């Protein structure tokens, strides 16, 4: 991923938080069949000496057979993003020198993949994923709400995935290359939108203002 200096995000806590807020990932591998992408939610686990991403795929998915363990993979997480109109820039009214662009937040992770078949591990992983995504529900669903024999049958139909993170980089393209006057124009323009991504980008642009 090309990251100009102004757009690079290096804070580990910021990168981790983005993954936790936008956990639906694209897992990209290269095997004998060529390039392959799978879209799955992943749970971030931070240990003293390593960071891992955990999730699962259906056992029917040939990924775990076609891509050997310890293979290097790329995982991408996309945060809020939206179109930026030149009309948002006050300087456009002055000299016309403006073009459209796109503001966005993205994290790329490289690591080595492993497959887990142990039911206890898979159950813990599923509990972590479930707790994370049910936390905002009025009555959070729990795996314990389902019959045990049903869960056992479901566990046998999936393969656990754990990716040991080797590198992580983030790109926060949120108008850092614009003057404060134009940043304020972007904030004003996006704040009039109703789409949630636009409002979140406006908040991020605001953080870049002096």
N, C-alpha and C. Protein backbone atom coordinates (compact mmCIF):
# COMPACT_ATOMS: atom_id res chain seq x y z
N UNK A 1 0.85 -1.19 0.00
CA UNK A 1 0.00 0.00 0.00
C UNK A 1 0.89 1.24 0.00
N UNK A 2 0.65 2.11 -0.95
CA UNK A 2 1.41 3.36 -1.02
C UNK A 2 0.88 4.31 0.05
N UNK A 3 1.77 4.78 0.93
CA UNK A 3 1.35 5.66 2.02
C UNK A 3 2.26 6.90 2.05
N UNK A 4 1.81 8.02 1.52
CA UNK A 4 2.58 9.26 1.68
C UNK A 4 2.74 9.57 3.17
N UNK A 5 3.80 10.29 3.49
CA UNK A 5 4.14 10.56 4.88
C UNK A 5 2.99 11.18 5.66
N UNK A 6 2.29 12.11 5.03
CA UNK A 6 1.19 12.80 5.72
C UNK A 6 0.06 11.87 6.13
N UNK A 7 -0.07 10.75 5.41
CA UNK A 7 -1.20 9.86 5.63
C UNK A 7 -0.86 8.62 6.46
N UNK A 8 0.39 8.47 6.84
CA UNK A 8 0.79 7.26 7.57
C UNK A 8 0.34 7.32 9.02
N UNK A 9 -0.26 6.22 9.49
CA UNK A 9 -0.65 6.09 10.89
C UNK A 9 0.18 4.97 11.51
N UNK A 10 0.99 5.31 12.52
CA UNK A 10 1.92 4.34 13.11
C UNK A 10 1.56 3.93 14.53
N UNK A 11 0.58 4.58 15.13
CA UNK A 11 0.21 4.25 16.51
C UNK A 11 -0.42 2.87 16.58
N UNK A 12 0.20 1.96 17.33
CA UNK A 12 -0.32 0.60 17.42
C UNK A 12 -1.71 0.57 18.02
N UNK A 13 -1.95 1.39 19.03
CA UNK A 13 -3.28 1.40 19.65
C UNK A 13 -4.34 1.90 18.69
N UNK A 14 -3.98 2.90 17.85
CA UNK A 14 -4.93 3.41 16.86
C UNK A 14 -5.25 2.36 15.82
N UNK A 15 -4.23 1.63 15.36
CA UNK A 15 -4.44 0.56 14.38
C UNK A 15 -5.31 -0.54 14.98
N UNK A 16 -5.00 -0.92 16.22
CA UNK A 16 -5.78 -1.97 16.89
C UNK A 16 -7.24 -1.55 17.04
N UNK A 17 -7.45 -0.30 17.44
CA UNK A 17 -8.82 0.18 17.64
C UNK A 17 -9.61 0.17 16.33
N UNK A 18 -8.94 0.51 15.22
CA UNK A 18 -9.63 0.51 13.94
C UNK A 18 -10.08 -0.90 13.57
N UNK A 19 -9.19 -1.88 13.80
CA UNK A 19 -9.53 -3.28 13.51
C UNK A 19 -10.70 -3.73 14.37
N UNK A 20 -10.70 -3.33 15.62
CA UNK A 20 -11.79 -3.72 16.52
C UNK A 20 -13.12 -3.08 16.12
N UNK A 21 -13.06 -1.86 15.59
CA UNK A 21 -14.28 -1.17 15.18
C UNK A 21 -14.78 -1.64 13.81
N UNK A 22 -13.86 -2.07 12.95
CA UNK A 22 -14.22 -2.51 11.60
C UNK A 22 -13.60 -3.89 11.34
N UNK A 23 -14.11 -4.93 11.99
CA UNK A 23 -13.44 -6.24 11.98
C UNK A 23 -13.71 -7.10 10.75
N UNK A 24 -14.59 -6.64 9.84
CA UNK A 24 -14.87 -7.45 8.66
C UNK A 24 -13.73 -7.29 7.67
N UNK A 25 -12.94 -8.34 7.51
CA UNK A 25 -11.66 -8.26 6.80
C UNK A 25 -11.70 -8.97 5.45
N UNK A 26 -10.75 -8.58 4.60
CA UNK A 26 -10.49 -9.33 3.37
C UNK A 26 -9.18 -10.07 3.56
N UNK A 27 -9.24 -11.39 3.53
CA UNK A 27 -8.06 -12.26 3.69
C UNK A 27 -7.59 -12.67 2.30
N UNK A 28 -6.37 -12.26 1.95
CA UNK A 28 -5.84 -12.50 0.62
C UNK A 28 -4.67 -13.47 0.70
N UNK A 29 -4.74 -14.53 -0.11
CA UNK A 29 -3.68 -15.54 -0.12
C UNK A 29 -3.25 -15.80 -1.56
N UNK A 30 -2.08 -16.40 -1.69
CA UNK A 30 -1.60 -16.84 -3.00
C UNK A 30 -1.19 -18.29 -2.87
N UNK A 31 -1.86 -19.15 -3.65
CA UNK A 31 -1.55 -20.58 -3.62
C UNK A 31 -1.44 -21.11 -5.05
N UNK A 32 -1.45 -22.41 -5.20
CA UNK A 32 -1.27 -23.00 -6.53
C UNK A 32 -2.39 -22.59 -7.49
N UNK A 33 -3.54 -22.27 -6.94
CA UNK A 33 -4.67 -21.86 -7.79
C UNK A 33 -4.58 -20.38 -8.17
N UNK A 34 -3.62 -19.66 -7.59
CA UNK A 34 -3.47 -18.24 -7.87
C UNK A 34 -3.89 -17.39 -6.68
N UNK A 35 -4.32 -16.18 -6.95
CA UNK A 35 -4.77 -15.27 -5.89
C UNK A 35 -6.18 -15.64 -5.46
N UNK A 36 -6.43 -15.54 -4.14
CA UNK A 36 -7.75 -15.85 -3.61
C UNK A 36 -8.06 -14.88 -2.47
N UNK A 37 -9.30 -14.43 -2.41
CA UNK A 37 -9.73 -13.53 -1.35
C UNK A 37 -10.95 -14.09 -0.65
N UNK A 38 -10.95 -14.04 0.68
CA UNK A 38 -12.09 -14.44 1.48
C UNK A 38 -12.46 -13.28 2.39
N UNK A 39 -13.74 -13.13 2.66
CA UNK A 39 -14.23 -12.02 3.48
C UNK A 39 -14.81 -12.59 4.78
N UNK A 40 -14.14 -12.29 5.89
CA UNK A 40 -14.54 -12.86 7.17
C UNK A 40 -14.29 -11.87 8.31
N UNK A 41 -15.11 -11.92 9.36
CA UNK A 41 -14.81 -11.11 10.55
C UNK A 41 -13.67 -11.74 11.32
N UNK A 42 -12.78 -10.92 11.84
CA UNK A 42 -11.64 -11.41 12.61
C UNK A 42 -11.57 -10.71 13.96
N UNK A 43 -11.10 -11.45 14.95
CA UNK A 43 -10.99 -10.95 16.32
C UNK A 43 -9.52 -10.72 16.63
N UNK A 44 -9.20 -9.53 17.11
CA UNK A 44 -7.81 -9.17 17.42
C UNK A 44 -7.48 -9.58 18.84
N UNK A 45 -6.40 -10.35 18.99
CA UNK A 45 -5.91 -10.75 20.31
C UNK A 45 -4.49 -10.22 20.47
N UNK A 46 -4.26 -9.53 21.57
CA UNK A 46 -2.94 -8.97 21.85
C UNK A 46 -2.33 -9.68 23.05
N UNK A 47 -1.18 -10.29 22.83
CA UNK A 47 -0.45 -10.96 23.90
C UNK A 47 0.81 -10.16 24.21
N UNK A 48 1.56 -10.60 25.18
CA UNK A 48 2.73 -9.84 25.61
C UNK A 48 3.75 -9.68 24.49
N UNK A 49 3.95 -10.73 23.70
CA UNK A 49 5.00 -10.70 22.69
C UNK A 49 4.48 -10.86 21.26
N UNK A 50 3.17 -10.96 21.08
CA UNK A 50 2.67 -11.12 19.72
C UNK A 50 1.21 -10.66 19.63
N UNK A 51 0.80 -10.40 18.40
CA UNK A 51 -0.58 -10.04 18.08
C UNK A 51 -1.09 -11.08 17.08
N UNK A 52 -2.31 -11.55 17.29
CA UNK A 52 -2.89 -12.51 16.36
C UNK A 52 -4.29 -12.06 15.96
N UNK A 53 -4.73 -12.53 14.81
CA UNK A 53 -6.10 -12.37 14.34
C UNK A 53 -6.73 -13.75 14.31
N UNK A 54 -7.93 -13.86 14.85
CA UNK A 54 -8.59 -15.15 14.94
C UNK A 54 -9.97 -15.09 14.30
N UNK A 55 -10.33 -16.18 13.64
CA UNK A 55 -11.64 -16.27 13.01
C UNK A 55 -11.89 -17.69 12.55
N UNK A 56 -12.78 -17.84 11.59
CA UNK A 56 -13.06 -19.19 11.10
C UNK A 56 -13.64 -19.13 9.69
N UNK A 57 -13.54 -20.26 9.02
CA UNK A 57 -14.15 -20.45 7.71
C UNK A 57 -14.94 -21.76 7.75
N UNK A 58 -15.82 -21.93 6.79
CA UNK A 58 -16.54 -23.21 6.67
C UNK A 58 -15.55 -24.30 6.28
N UNK A 59 -15.75 -25.48 6.84
CA UNK A 59 -14.87 -26.59 6.48
C UNK A 59 -14.96 -26.89 4.99
N UNK A 60 -16.08 -26.56 4.38
CA UNK A 60 -16.25 -26.79 2.95
C UNK A 60 -15.41 -25.83 2.11
N UNK A 61 -14.93 -24.75 2.73
CA UNK A 61 -14.09 -23.78 2.02
C UNK A 61 -12.71 -24.42 1.78
N UNK A 62 -12.26 -24.52 0.53
CA UNK A 62 -10.99 -25.19 0.25
C UNK A 62 -9.75 -24.42 0.66
N UNK A 63 -9.91 -23.23 1.22
CA UNK A 63 -8.76 -22.41 1.61
C UNK A 63 -7.78 -23.18 2.46
N UNK A 64 -8.28 -23.89 3.48
CA UNK A 64 -7.38 -24.55 4.43
C UNK A 64 -6.68 -25.76 3.83
N UNK A 65 -7.18 -26.25 2.69
CA UNK A 65 -6.52 -27.36 2.00
C UNK A 65 -5.55 -26.85 0.93
N UNK A 66 -5.89 -25.74 0.32
CA UNK A 66 -5.09 -25.23 -0.80
C UNK A 66 -3.95 -24.30 -0.37
N UNK A 67 -4.07 -23.74 0.82
CA UNK A 67 -3.05 -22.82 1.31
C UNK A 67 -2.41 -23.42 2.55
N UNK A 68 -1.15 -23.75 2.45
CA UNK A 68 -0.47 -24.47 3.53
C UNK A 68 -0.29 -23.60 4.76
N UNK A 69 -0.21 -24.25 5.91
CA UNK A 69 0.05 -23.53 7.15
C UNK A 69 1.39 -22.80 7.07
N UNK A 70 1.47 -21.71 7.79
CA UNK A 70 2.64 -20.83 7.83
C UNK A 70 2.82 -20.03 6.55
N UNK A 71 1.85 -20.13 5.62
CA UNK A 71 1.93 -19.30 4.42
C UNK A 71 1.72 -17.84 4.79
N UNK A 72 2.42 -16.96 4.06
CA UNK A 72 2.23 -15.53 4.31
C UNK A 72 0.94 -15.07 3.66
N UNK A 73 0.15 -14.31 4.41
CA UNK A 73 -1.12 -13.81 3.90
C UNK A 73 -1.20 -12.30 4.14
N UNK A 74 -2.10 -11.67 3.41
CA UNK A 74 -2.38 -10.25 3.58
C UNK A 74 -3.83 -10.10 4.02
N UNK A 75 -4.04 -9.31 5.06
CA UNK A 75 -5.39 -9.05 5.56
C UNK A 75 -5.62 -7.54 5.52
N UNK A 76 -6.72 -7.13 4.91
CA UNK A 76 -7.02 -5.70 4.84
C UNK A 76 -8.30 -5.39 5.59
N UNK A 77 -8.28 -4.28 6.31
CA UNK A 77 -9.45 -3.78 7.03
C UNK A 77 -9.75 -2.37 6.51
N UNK A 78 -10.99 -2.15 6.14
CA UNK A 78 -11.39 -0.84 5.63
C UNK A 78 -12.29 -0.14 6.63
N UNK A 79 -11.90 1.07 7.00
CA UNK A 79 -12.69 1.87 7.91
C UNK A 79 -13.61 2.80 7.14
N UNK A 80 -14.00 3.92 7.76
CA UNK A 80 -14.89 4.86 7.07
C UNK A 80 -14.23 5.44 5.84
N UNK A 81 -15.03 5.74 4.82
CA UNK A 81 -14.51 6.33 3.59
C UNK A 81 -15.64 7.10 2.91
N UNK A 82 -15.27 8.11 2.13
CA UNK A 82 -16.30 8.85 1.41
C UNK A 82 -15.67 9.75 0.34
N UNK A 83 -16.49 10.15 -0.59
CA UNK A 83 -16.11 11.05 -1.68
C UNK A 83 -15.95 12.48 -1.15
N UNK A 84 -14.93 13.18 -1.66
CA UNK A 84 -14.69 14.57 -1.30
C UNK A 84 -14.84 15.43 -2.56
N UNK A 85 -15.83 16.29 -2.56
CA UNK A 85 -16.08 17.16 -3.71
C UNK A 85 -15.16 18.38 -3.69
N UNK A 86 -14.67 18.82 -4.84
CA UNK A 86 -13.89 20.06 -4.90
C UNK A 86 -14.68 21.27 -4.39
N UNK A 87 -16.01 21.16 -4.45
CA UNK A 87 -16.84 22.27 -4.00
C UNK A 87 -16.71 22.53 -2.50
N UNK A 88 -16.16 21.56 -1.78
CA UNK A 88 -15.98 21.76 -0.33
C UNK A 88 -14.84 22.75 -0.03
N UNK A 89 -13.91 22.92 -0.99
CA UNK A 89 -12.73 23.73 -0.74
C UNK A 89 -13.00 25.21 -1.02
N UNK A 90 -12.84 26.09 -0.05
CA UNK A 90 -12.96 27.53 -0.32
C UNK A 90 -11.99 28.00 -1.40
N UNK A 91 -10.81 27.39 -1.46
CA UNK A 91 -9.82 27.82 -2.46
C UNK A 91 -10.29 27.53 -3.88
N UNK A 92 -11.18 26.58 -4.04
CA UNK A 92 -11.72 26.29 -5.38
C UNK A 92 -12.48 27.50 -5.91
N UNK A 93 -13.17 28.18 -5.02
CA UNK A 93 -13.91 29.37 -5.42
C UNK A 93 -12.96 30.50 -5.82
N UNK A 94 -11.72 30.45 -5.28
CA UNK A 94 -10.76 31.52 -5.52
C UNK A 94 -9.97 31.33 -6.81
N UNK A 95 -9.56 30.08 -7.08
CA UNK A 95 -8.67 29.87 -8.23
C UNK A 95 -9.05 28.67 -9.10
N UNK A 96 -10.05 27.90 -8.67
CA UNK A 96 -10.49 26.76 -9.47
C UNK A 96 -9.57 25.57 -9.44
N UNK A 97 -8.46 25.67 -8.71
CA UNK A 97 -7.48 24.59 -8.70
C UNK A 97 -7.85 23.53 -7.66
N UNK A 98 -8.74 22.63 -8.04
CA UNK A 98 -9.18 21.56 -7.14
C UNK A 98 -9.75 20.42 -7.97
N UNK A 99 -9.55 19.22 -7.50
CA UNK A 99 -10.10 18.03 -8.16
C UNK A 99 -10.74 17.14 -7.10
N UNK A 100 -11.65 16.24 -7.52
CA UNK A 100 -12.27 15.33 -6.56
C UNK A 100 -11.24 14.37 -5.97
N UNK A 101 -11.53 13.86 -4.80
CA UNK A 101 -10.69 12.83 -4.20
C UNK A 101 -11.55 11.96 -3.30
N UNK A 102 -10.91 11.03 -2.64
CA UNK A 102 -11.61 10.11 -1.74
C UNK A 102 -10.84 10.04 -0.44
N UNK A 103 -11.52 10.29 0.66
CA UNK A 103 -10.90 10.13 1.98
C UNK A 103 -11.24 8.75 2.53
N UNK A 104 -10.28 8.14 3.20
CA UNK A 104 -10.53 6.79 3.72
C UNK A 104 -9.51 6.42 4.78
N UNK A 105 -9.87 5.36 5.51
CA UNK A 105 -9.00 4.78 6.53
C UNK A 105 -8.85 3.31 6.22
N UNK A 106 -7.61 2.81 6.26
CA UNK A 106 -7.36 1.40 5.95
C UNK A 106 -6.18 0.88 6.75
N UNK A 107 -6.26 -0.38 7.14
CA UNK A 107 -5.15 -1.05 7.81
C UNK A 107 -4.82 -2.32 7.04
N UNK A 108 -3.54 -2.52 6.74
CA UNK A 108 -3.07 -3.73 6.08
C UNK A 108 -2.19 -4.53 7.06
N UNK A 109 -2.48 -5.80 7.15
CA UNK A 109 -1.76 -6.69 8.06
C UNK A 109 -1.15 -7.83 7.25
N UNK A 110 0.13 -8.10 7.50
CA UNK A 110 0.79 -9.27 6.92
C UNK A 110 1.12 -10.24 8.05
N UNK A 111 0.92 -11.52 7.79
CA UNK A 111 1.20 -12.50 8.82
C UNK A 111 1.22 -13.90 8.27
N UNK A 112 1.37 -14.86 9.15
CA UNK A 112 1.41 -16.28 8.77
C UNK A 112 0.16 -16.97 9.30
N UNK A 113 -0.47 -17.76 8.43
CA UNK A 113 -1.75 -18.36 8.75
C UNK A 113 -1.59 -19.77 9.33
N UNK A 114 -2.44 -20.09 10.29
CA UNK A 114 -2.52 -21.43 10.86
C UNK A 114 -3.99 -21.83 10.95
N UNK A 115 -4.23 -23.14 10.88
CA UNK A 115 -5.60 -23.66 10.94
C UNK A 115 -5.77 -24.45 12.24
N UNK A 116 -6.91 -24.23 12.89
CA UNK A 116 -7.17 -24.85 14.17
C UNK A 116 -8.40 -25.75 14.05
N UNK A 117 -8.26 -27.01 14.48
CA UNK A 117 -9.36 -27.96 14.43
C UNK A 117 -9.87 -28.33 15.82
N UNK A 118 -9.21 -27.86 16.85
CA UNK A 118 -9.59 -28.15 18.22
C UNK A 118 -10.90 -27.45 18.58
N UNK A 119 -11.89 -28.23 19.04
CA UNK A 119 -13.21 -27.66 19.33
C UNK A 119 -13.18 -26.66 20.47
N UNK A 120 -12.35 -26.89 21.47
CA UNK A 120 -12.28 -25.97 22.60
C UNK A 120 -11.75 -24.61 22.14
N UNK A 121 -10.73 -24.63 21.31
CA UNK A 121 -10.19 -23.38 20.77
C UNK A 121 -11.24 -22.66 19.93
N UNK A 122 -11.93 -23.41 19.08
CA UNK A 122 -12.93 -22.81 18.21
C UNK A 122 -14.08 -22.21 19.02
N UNK A 123 -14.46 -22.88 20.09
CA UNK A 123 -15.54 -22.38 20.92
C UNK A 123 -15.13 -21.07 21.62
N UNK A 124 -13.91 -21.01 22.11
CA UNK A 124 -13.42 -19.78 22.73
C UNK A 124 -13.39 -18.64 21.72
N UNK A 125 -12.92 -18.93 20.51
CA UNK A 125 -12.88 -17.92 19.45
C UNK A 125 -14.28 -17.42 19.13
N UNK A 126 -15.23 -18.33 19.01
CA UNK A 126 -16.60 -17.93 18.70
C UNK A 126 -17.23 -17.11 19.83
N UNK A 127 -16.92 -17.47 21.05
CA UNK A 127 -17.41 -16.68 22.18
C UNK A 127 -16.85 -15.26 22.14
N UNK A 128 -15.57 -15.13 21.80
CA UNK A 128 -14.95 -13.80 21.71
C UNK A 128 -15.61 -12.96 20.61
N UNK A 129 -15.80 -13.57 19.44
CA UNK A 129 -16.44 -12.87 18.34
C UNK A 129 -17.86 -12.46 18.70
N UNK A 130 -18.59 -13.40 19.28
CA UNK A 130 -19.98 -13.15 19.63
C UNK A 130 -20.10 -12.04 20.67
N UNK A 131 -19.29 -12.12 21.72
CA UNK A 131 -19.33 -11.10 22.77
C UNK A 131 -19.03 -9.72 22.21
N UNK A 132 -18.07 -9.65 21.28
CA UNK A 132 -17.71 -8.37 20.69
C UNK A 132 -18.88 -7.76 19.92
N UNK A 133 -19.57 -8.58 19.14
CA UNK A 133 -20.60 -8.04 18.25
C UNK A 133 -21.99 -7.97 18.89
N UNK A 134 -22.17 -8.67 19.98
CA UNK A 134 -23.46 -8.61 20.69
C UNK A 134 -23.46 -7.57 21.80
N UNK A 135 -22.33 -6.94 22.04
CA UNK A 135 -22.19 -6.05 23.20
C UNK A 135 -23.15 -4.86 23.16
N UNK A 136 -23.60 -4.46 21.98
CA UNK A 136 -24.49 -3.30 21.87
C UNK A 136 -25.97 -3.70 21.78
N UNK A 137 -26.23 -4.98 21.82
CA UNK A 137 -27.62 -5.44 21.79
C UNK A 137 -28.28 -5.25 23.15
N UNK A 138 -29.59 -4.98 23.15
CA UNK A 138 -30.31 -4.83 24.42
C UNK A 138 -30.29 -6.13 25.22
N UNK A 139 -30.43 -7.23 24.51
CA UNK A 139 -30.36 -8.54 25.14
C UNK A 139 -29.34 -9.38 24.36
N UNK A 140 -28.06 -9.25 24.69
CA UNK A 140 -27.02 -9.94 23.93
C UNK A 140 -27.25 -11.45 23.84
N UNK A 141 -27.10 -11.96 22.61
CA UNK A 141 -27.20 -13.40 22.40
C UNK A 141 -25.90 -14.05 22.84
N UNK A 142 -26.01 -15.24 23.41
CA UNK A 142 -24.85 -16.02 23.83
C UNK A 142 -24.90 -17.39 23.19
N UNK A 143 -23.72 -17.95 22.95
CA UNK A 143 -23.67 -19.31 22.40
C UNK A 143 -24.39 -20.28 23.32
N UNK A 144 -24.39 -19.98 24.61
CA UNK A 144 -25.09 -20.84 25.56
C UNK A 144 -26.60 -20.82 25.37
N UNK A 145 -27.10 -19.86 24.59
CA UNK A 145 -28.54 -19.82 24.31
C UNK A 145 -28.97 -20.94 23.37
N UNK A 146 -28.03 -21.51 22.64
CA UNK A 146 -28.34 -22.57 21.67
C UNK A 146 -28.12 -23.94 22.31
N UNK A 147 -28.84 -24.96 21.85
CA UNK A 147 -28.65 -26.32 22.39
C UNK A 147 -27.22 -26.80 22.20
N UNK A 148 -26.69 -27.49 23.19
CA UNK A 148 -25.30 -27.93 23.14
C UNK A 148 -25.02 -28.81 21.94
N UNK A 149 -25.94 -29.75 21.66
CA UNK A 149 -25.70 -30.67 20.53
C UNK A 149 -25.67 -29.92 19.20
N UNK A 150 -26.44 -28.83 19.12
CA UNK A 150 -26.46 -28.01 17.91
C UNK A 150 -25.11 -27.30 17.74
N UNK A 151 -24.60 -26.72 18.82
CA UNK A 151 -23.31 -26.04 18.77
C UNK A 151 -22.20 -27.02 18.42
N UNK A 152 -22.24 -28.20 18.98
CA UNK A 152 -21.23 -29.21 18.67
C UNK A 152 -21.24 -29.55 17.19
N UNK A 153 -22.43 -29.64 16.61
CA UNK A 153 -22.54 -29.93 15.18
C UNK A 153 -21.99 -28.78 14.35
N UNK A 154 -22.27 -27.55 14.79
CA UNK A 154 -21.76 -26.37 14.09
C UNK A 154 -20.23 -26.29 14.17
N UNK A 155 -19.67 -26.65 15.34
CA UNK A 155 -18.22 -26.61 15.51
C UNK A 155 -17.52 -27.55 14.54
N UNK A 156 -18.13 -28.68 14.28
CA UNK A 156 -17.51 -29.66 13.38
C UNK A 156 -17.54 -29.20 11.93
N UNK A 157 -18.33 -28.17 11.64
CA UNK A 157 -18.48 -27.71 10.26
C UNK A 157 -17.59 -26.51 9.94
N UNK A 158 -16.74 -26.10 10.90
CA UNK A 158 -15.86 -24.96 10.65
C UNK A 158 -14.40 -25.31 10.94
N UNK A 159 -13.52 -24.50 10.40
CA UNK A 159 -12.08 -24.61 10.66
C UNK A 159 -11.63 -23.26 11.23
N UNK A 160 -10.95 -23.31 12.37
CA UNK A 160 -10.46 -22.08 12.97
C UNK A 160 -9.26 -21.53 12.21
N UNK A 161 -9.13 -20.22 12.22
CA UNK A 161 -8.00 -19.55 11.57
C UNK A 161 -7.32 -18.65 12.61
N UNK A 162 -6.00 -18.74 12.65
CA UNK A 162 -5.22 -17.81 13.47
C UNK A 162 -4.07 -17.28 12.62
N UNK A 163 -3.96 -15.98 12.55
CA UNK A 163 -2.91 -15.33 11.77
C UNK A 163 -1.99 -14.59 12.73
N UNK A 164 -0.75 -15.03 12.78
CA UNK A 164 0.23 -14.34 13.63
C UNK A 164 0.73 -13.11 12.88
N UNK A 165 0.50 -11.95 13.44
CA UNK A 165 0.81 -10.70 12.76
C UNK A 165 2.32 -10.47 12.74
N UNK A 166 2.84 -10.21 11.54
CA UNK A 166 4.26 -9.88 11.37
C UNK A 166 4.47 -8.40 11.09
N UNK A 167 3.50 -7.76 10.47
CA UNK A 167 3.59 -6.32 10.23
C UNK A 167 2.19 -5.75 10.09
N UNK A 168 2.08 -4.45 10.42
CA UNK A 168 0.79 -3.78 10.35
C UNK A 168 1.05 -2.33 9.97
N UNK A 169 0.32 -1.82 8.97
CA UNK A 169 0.47 -0.44 8.57
C UNK A 169 -0.89 0.18 8.30
N UNK A 170 -1.00 1.46 8.63
CA UNK A 170 -2.28 2.13 8.46
C UNK A 170 -2.18 3.37 7.61
N UNK A 171 -3.22 3.61 6.85
CA UNK A 171 -3.30 4.82 6.02
C UNK A 171 -4.57 5.59 6.40
N UNK A 172 -4.36 6.79 6.91
CA UNK A 172 -5.46 7.69 7.29
C UNK A 172 -5.42 8.86 6.32
N UNK A 173 -6.15 8.76 5.22
CA UNK A 173 -6.19 9.85 4.23
C UNK A 173 -7.41 10.72 4.54
N UNK A 174 -7.19 11.73 5.37
CA UNK A 174 -8.31 12.54 5.85
C UNK A 174 -7.98 14.04 5.71
N UNK A 175 -7.58 14.40 4.49
CA UNK A 175 -7.36 15.81 4.12
C UNK A 175 -6.18 16.47 4.84
N UNK A 176 -5.20 15.67 5.31
CA UNK A 176 -4.03 16.28 5.97
C UNK A 176 -3.24 17.17 5.03
N UNK A 177 -3.35 16.94 3.72
CA UNK A 177 -2.58 17.72 2.74
C UNK A 177 -3.28 19.01 2.34
N UNK A 178 -4.38 19.33 3.00
CA UNK A 178 -5.11 20.55 2.69
C UNK A 178 -4.85 21.62 3.76
N UNK A 179 -5.07 22.88 3.36
CA UNK A 179 -4.95 23.99 4.31
C UNK A 179 -6.07 23.88 5.35
N UNK A 180 -5.90 24.54 6.47
CA UNK A 180 -6.94 24.53 7.50
C UNK A 180 -8.25 25.09 6.95
N UNK A 181 -8.15 26.06 6.06
CA UNK A 181 -9.36 26.64 5.46
C UNK A 181 -10.12 25.59 4.66
N UNK A 182 -9.38 24.81 3.88
CA UNK A 182 -10.04 23.77 3.10
C UNK A 182 -10.53 22.62 3.98
N UNK A 183 -9.78 22.31 5.05
CA UNK A 183 -10.24 21.28 5.99
C UNK A 183 -11.58 21.67 6.59
N UNK A 184 -11.70 22.93 6.98
CA UNK A 184 -12.97 23.39 7.54
C UNK A 184 -14.09 23.30 6.50
N UNK A 185 -13.74 23.55 5.24
CA UNK A 185 -14.72 23.40 4.18
C UNK A 185 -15.17 21.96 4.03
N UNK A 186 -14.23 21.03 4.14
CA UNK A 186 -14.56 19.60 4.06
C UNK A 186 -15.46 19.22 5.23
N UNK A 187 -15.10 19.68 6.42
CA UNK A 187 -15.91 19.35 7.61
C UNK A 187 -17.33 19.87 7.45
N UNK A 188 -17.46 21.11 6.97
CA UNK A 188 -18.79 21.69 6.77
C UNK A 188 -19.58 20.92 5.73
N UNK A 189 -18.92 20.59 4.61
CA UNK A 189 -19.60 19.86 3.54
C UNK A 189 -20.05 18.48 3.98
N UNK A 190 -19.16 17.75 4.64
CA UNK A 190 -19.50 16.38 5.06
C UNK A 190 -20.53 16.39 6.19
N UNK A 191 -20.50 17.40 7.02
CA UNK A 191 -21.44 17.46 8.15
C UNK A 191 -22.87 17.64 7.68
N UNK A 192 -23.05 18.08 6.44
CA UNK A 192 -24.39 18.23 5.89
C UNK A 192 -24.91 16.94 5.26
N UNK A 193 -24.04 15.93 5.19
CA UNK A 193 -24.45 14.64 4.65
C UNK A 193 -25.18 13.83 5.73
N UNK A 194 -25.96 12.85 5.30
CA UNK A 194 -26.66 11.98 6.25
C UNK A 194 -26.01 10.61 6.35
N UNK A 195 -25.09 10.33 5.45
CA UNK A 195 -24.43 9.02 5.44
C UNK A 195 -23.39 8.95 6.55
N UNK A 196 -23.41 7.87 7.32
CA UNK A 196 -22.57 7.78 8.53
C UNK A 196 -21.08 7.86 8.22
N UNK A 197 -20.64 7.29 7.09
CA UNK A 197 -19.23 7.34 6.74
C UNK A 197 -18.76 8.79 6.58
N UNK A 198 -19.58 9.61 5.94
CA UNK A 198 -19.21 11.01 5.73
C UNK A 198 -19.06 11.72 7.07
N UNK A 199 -19.95 11.45 7.99
CA UNK A 199 -19.89 12.11 9.30
C UNK A 199 -18.65 11.65 10.08
N UNK A 200 -18.28 10.39 9.95
CA UNK A 200 -17.09 9.89 10.65
C UNK A 200 -15.81 10.47 10.04
N UNK A 201 -15.80 10.60 8.72
CA UNK A 201 -14.63 11.22 8.08
C UNK A 201 -14.52 12.69 8.52
N UNK A 202 -15.64 13.37 8.65
CA UNK A 202 -15.63 14.77 9.10
C UNK A 202 -14.98 14.86 10.49
N UNK A 203 -15.30 13.91 11.36
CA UNK A 203 -14.70 13.88 12.70
C UNK A 203 -13.18 13.68 12.62
N UNK A 204 -12.74 12.81 11.71
CA UNK A 204 -11.31 12.56 11.58
C UNK A 204 -10.58 13.77 10.99
N UNK A 205 -11.19 14.44 10.04
CA UNK A 205 -10.59 15.65 9.49
C UNK A 205 -10.46 16.70 10.58
N UNK A 206 -11.47 16.81 11.42
CA UNK A 206 -11.43 17.79 12.51
C UNK A 206 -10.22 17.57 13.42
N UNK A 207 -9.84 16.33 13.61
CA UNK A 207 -8.71 16.02 14.48
C UNK A 207 -7.37 16.48 13.88
N UNK A 208 -7.36 16.71 12.57
CA UNK A 208 -6.10 17.12 11.92
C UNK A 208 -5.94 18.64 11.92
N UNK A 209 -6.97 19.35 12.31
CA UNK A 209 -6.91 20.82 12.27
C UNK A 209 -6.02 21.33 13.42
N UNK A 210 -5.28 22.37 13.14
CA UNK A 210 -4.39 22.97 14.14
C UNK A 210 -5.22 23.71 15.19
